[in-house]
Amino acid sequence: MSETQTLSFTGAQTAKRLRTYRILLTISIIANLIVALWCIFAPVSFAQRVLQVDPYPQAWPRIWGATLAGLQFVYLSGVNNPLFYRWPNWSSIGIKLLMTLIFLIAGSLFYPLAAWEFVWSIILLVTYYGLTLADIRGRP
């Protein structure tokens, strides 16, 4: 019997992957909340920082920021118990991939935002998939 097939090893592996995923998802949520608040309170400053033209009207970045902030609150249940509340975790990954596609379609000015969303979607996909596999292996 291999050590990877024992329940204690998979339990420890699941706990390690759970901690890693929670940390990464929390960092992602905090970073997106900072971006969302920046868009709401200083849309022109945000647009200039990410090499965009000045937004006209300024309501559009504010609306996007409010939507981004709202999504982060939906993902909080996934941080608390990602093995029970799976839909917020999978939907956050899916939404990040969708936003990557939308930013790419929007044109070259949005490539930095597309890269940001793509990198986070891949990081969360890899870590959550690993956590899910470890959880499944721990319950024979």
Protein backbone atom coordinates (compact mmCIF):
# COMPACT_ATOMS: atom_id res chain seq x y z
CA MET A 1 0.00 0.00 0.00
CA SER A 2 1.28 3.40 -0.94
CA GLU A 3 1.41 6.25 1.59
CA THR A 4 -0.76 8.33 -0.72
CA GLN A 5 -3.56 5.81 -0.28
CA THR A 6 -3.82 6.11 3.50
CA LEU A 7 -6.63 8.16 4.99
CA SER A 8 -4.36 10.10 7.34
CA PHE A 9 -2.19 11.26 4.45
CA THR A 10 -5.18 12.38 2.39
CA GLY A 11 -6.65 14.10 5.45
CA ALA A 12 -3.44 16.05 5.94
CA GLN A 13 -3.25 16.77 2.23
CA THR A 14 -6.84 18.04 2.23
CA ALA A 15 -6.17 20.29 5.23
CA LYS A 16 -3.06 21.75 3.57
CA ARG A 17 -4.86 22.38 0.30
CA LEU A 18 -7.84 23.85 2.14
CA ARG A 19 -5.61 26.34 3.95
CA THR A 20 -3.81 27.27 0.71
CA TYR A 21 -7.06 27.76 -1.18
CA ARG A 22 -8.63 29.85 1.58
CA ILE A 23 -5.58 32.12 1.70
CA LEU A 24 -5.50 32.60 -2.08
CA LEU A 25 -9.25 33.19 -2.34
CA THR A 26 -9.09 35.70 0.52
CA ILE A 27 -6.23 37.57 -1.18
CA SER A 28 -8.23 37.60 -4.42
CA ILE A 29 -11.33 38.94 -2.66
CA ILE A 30 -9.40 41.66 -0.82
CA ALA A 31 -7.57 42.73 -3.99
CA ASN A 32 -10.83 42.89 -5.95
CA LEU A 33 -12.53 44.85 -3.16
CA ILE A 34 -9.70 47.38 -3.26
CA VAL A 35 -10.08 47.69 -7.03
CA ALA A 36 -13.87 47.98 -6.68
CA LEU A 37 -13.63 50.75 -4.09
CA TRP A 38 -11.03 52.52 -6.21
CA CYS A 39 -13.41 52.38 -9.20
CA ILE A 40 -16.31 53.68 -7.13
CA PHE A 41 -14.52 56.58 -5.46
CA ALA A 42 -11.87 57.53 -8.07
CA PRO A 43 -12.87 56.19 -11.49
CA VAL A 44 -10.61 58.54 -13.45
CA SER A 45 -7.59 57.68 -11.31
CA PHE A 46 -8.23 53.96 -11.77
CA ALA A 47 -8.66 54.31 -15.53
CA GLN A 48 -5.41 56.24 -15.82
CA ARG A 49 -3.52 53.72 -13.65
CA VAL A 50 -4.52 50.82 -15.92
CA LEU A 51 -3.67 52.86 -19.03
CA GLN A 52 -7.28 53.50 -20.07
CA VAL A 53 -8.74 56.64 -21.52
CA ASP A 54 -10.64 58.84 -19.10
CA PRO A 55 -14.05 57.27 -18.59
CA TYR A 56 -16.99 59.18 -19.95
CA PRO A 57 -19.39 59.16 -18.26
CA GLN A 58 -17.74 58.33 -14.95
CA ALA A 59 -20.71 56.23 -13.91
CA TRP A 60 -19.53 53.21 -15.93
CA PRO A 61 -16.43 52.42 -13.86
CA ARG A 62 -18.46 53.05 -10.71
CA ILE A 63 -21.13 50.59 -11.82
CA TRP A 64 -18.47 48.02 -12.69
CA GLY A 65 -16.81 48.60 -9.30
CA ALA A 66 -20.11 48.15 -7.45
CA THR A 67 -20.78 44.93 -9.36
CA LEU A 68 -17.28 43.68 -8.60
CA ALA A 69 -17.73 44.46 -4.91
CA GLY A 70 -21.09 42.67 -4.84
CA LEU A 71 -19.58 39.55 -6.38
CA GLN A 72 -16.88 39.46 -3.73
CA PHE A 73 -19.50 39.30 -0.99
CA VAL A 74 -21.14 36.35 -2.75
CA TYR A 75 -17.79 34.53 -2.68
CA LEU A 76 -17.42 34.87 1.11
CA SER A 77 -19.39 31.69 1.80
CA GLY A 78 -16.86 29.87 -0.35
CA VAL A 79 -14.06 31.09 1.90
CA ASN A 80 -15.81 29.94 5.07
CA ASN A 81 -16.51 26.41 3.91
CA PRO A 82 -15.28 25.72 0.36
CA LEU A 83 -15.91 21.98 0.59
CA PHE A 84 -19.60 22.46 1.38
CA TYR A 85 -20.39 25.64 -0.57
CA ARG A 86 -18.93 24.65 -3.93
CA TRP A 87 -21.01 26.87 -6.23
CA PRO A 88 -19.45 30.19 -5.09
CA ASN A 89 -16.00 28.77 -5.75
CA TRP A 90 -16.72 27.33 -9.18
CA SER A 91 -18.75 30.39 -10.16
CA SER A 92 -15.94 32.75 -9.12
CA ILE A 93 -13.56 30.84 -11.38
CA GLY A 94 -16.07 30.83 -14.22
CA ILE A 95 -16.83 34.54 -13.85
CA LYS A 96 -13.12 35.38 -13.86
CA LEU A 97 -12.67 33.39 -17.08
CA LEU A 98 -15.71 35.10 -18.61
CA MET A 99 -14.36 38.53 -17.65
CA THR A 100 -11.03 37.58 -19.24
CA LEU A 101 -12.84 36.84 -22.48
CA ILE A 102 -14.85 40.08 -22.32
CA PHE A 103 -11.72 42.15 -21.67
CA LEU A 104 -9.93 40.47 -24.58
CA ILE A 105 -12.85 41.18 -26.91
CA ALA A 106 -12.97 44.81 -25.71
CA GLY A 107 -9.58 45.53 -27.28
CA SER A 108 -5.92 46.00 -26.53
CA LEU A 109 -6.55 48.73 -23.95
CA PHE A 110 -8.13 46.10 -21.73
CA TYR A 111 -5.35 43.50 -21.97
CA PRO A 112 -3.91 44.35 -18.52
CA LEU A 113 -7.32 43.75 -16.93
CA ALA A 114 -7.71 40.53 -18.94
CA ALA A 115 -4.31 39.34 -17.73
CA TRP A 116 -5.25 40.12 -14.10
CA GLU A 117 -8.48 38.12 -14.32
CA PHE A 118 -6.87 35.26 -16.23
CA VAL A 119 -4.01 34.83 -13.76
CA TRP A 120 -6.38 34.76 -10.80
CA SER A 121 -8.77 32.37 -12.53
CA ILE A 122 -5.95 29.91 -13.22
CA ILE A 123 -4.54 30.18 -9.68
CA LEU A 124 -7.96 29.56 -8.14
CA LEU A 125 -8.83 26.81 -10.64
CA VAL A 126 -5.65 24.84 -9.94
CA THR A 127 -5.88 25.18 -6.16
CA TYR A 128 -9.62 24.48 -5.93
CA TYR A 129 -9.41 21.50 -8.26
CA GLY A 130 -6.57 20.10 -6.13
CA LEU A 131 -8.62 20.67 -2.99
CA THR A 132 -11.63 18.94 -4.51
CA LEU A 133 -9.57 15.92 -5.55
CA ALA A 134 -7.98 15.65 -2.11
CA ASP A 135 -11.41 15.83 -0.48
CA ILE A 136 -12.78 13.10 -2.75
CA ARG A 137 -9.78 10.84 -2.08
CA GLY A 138 -10.22 11.33 1.67
CA ARG A 139 -13.73 9.86 1.56
CA PRO A 140 -13.47 6.34 0.13
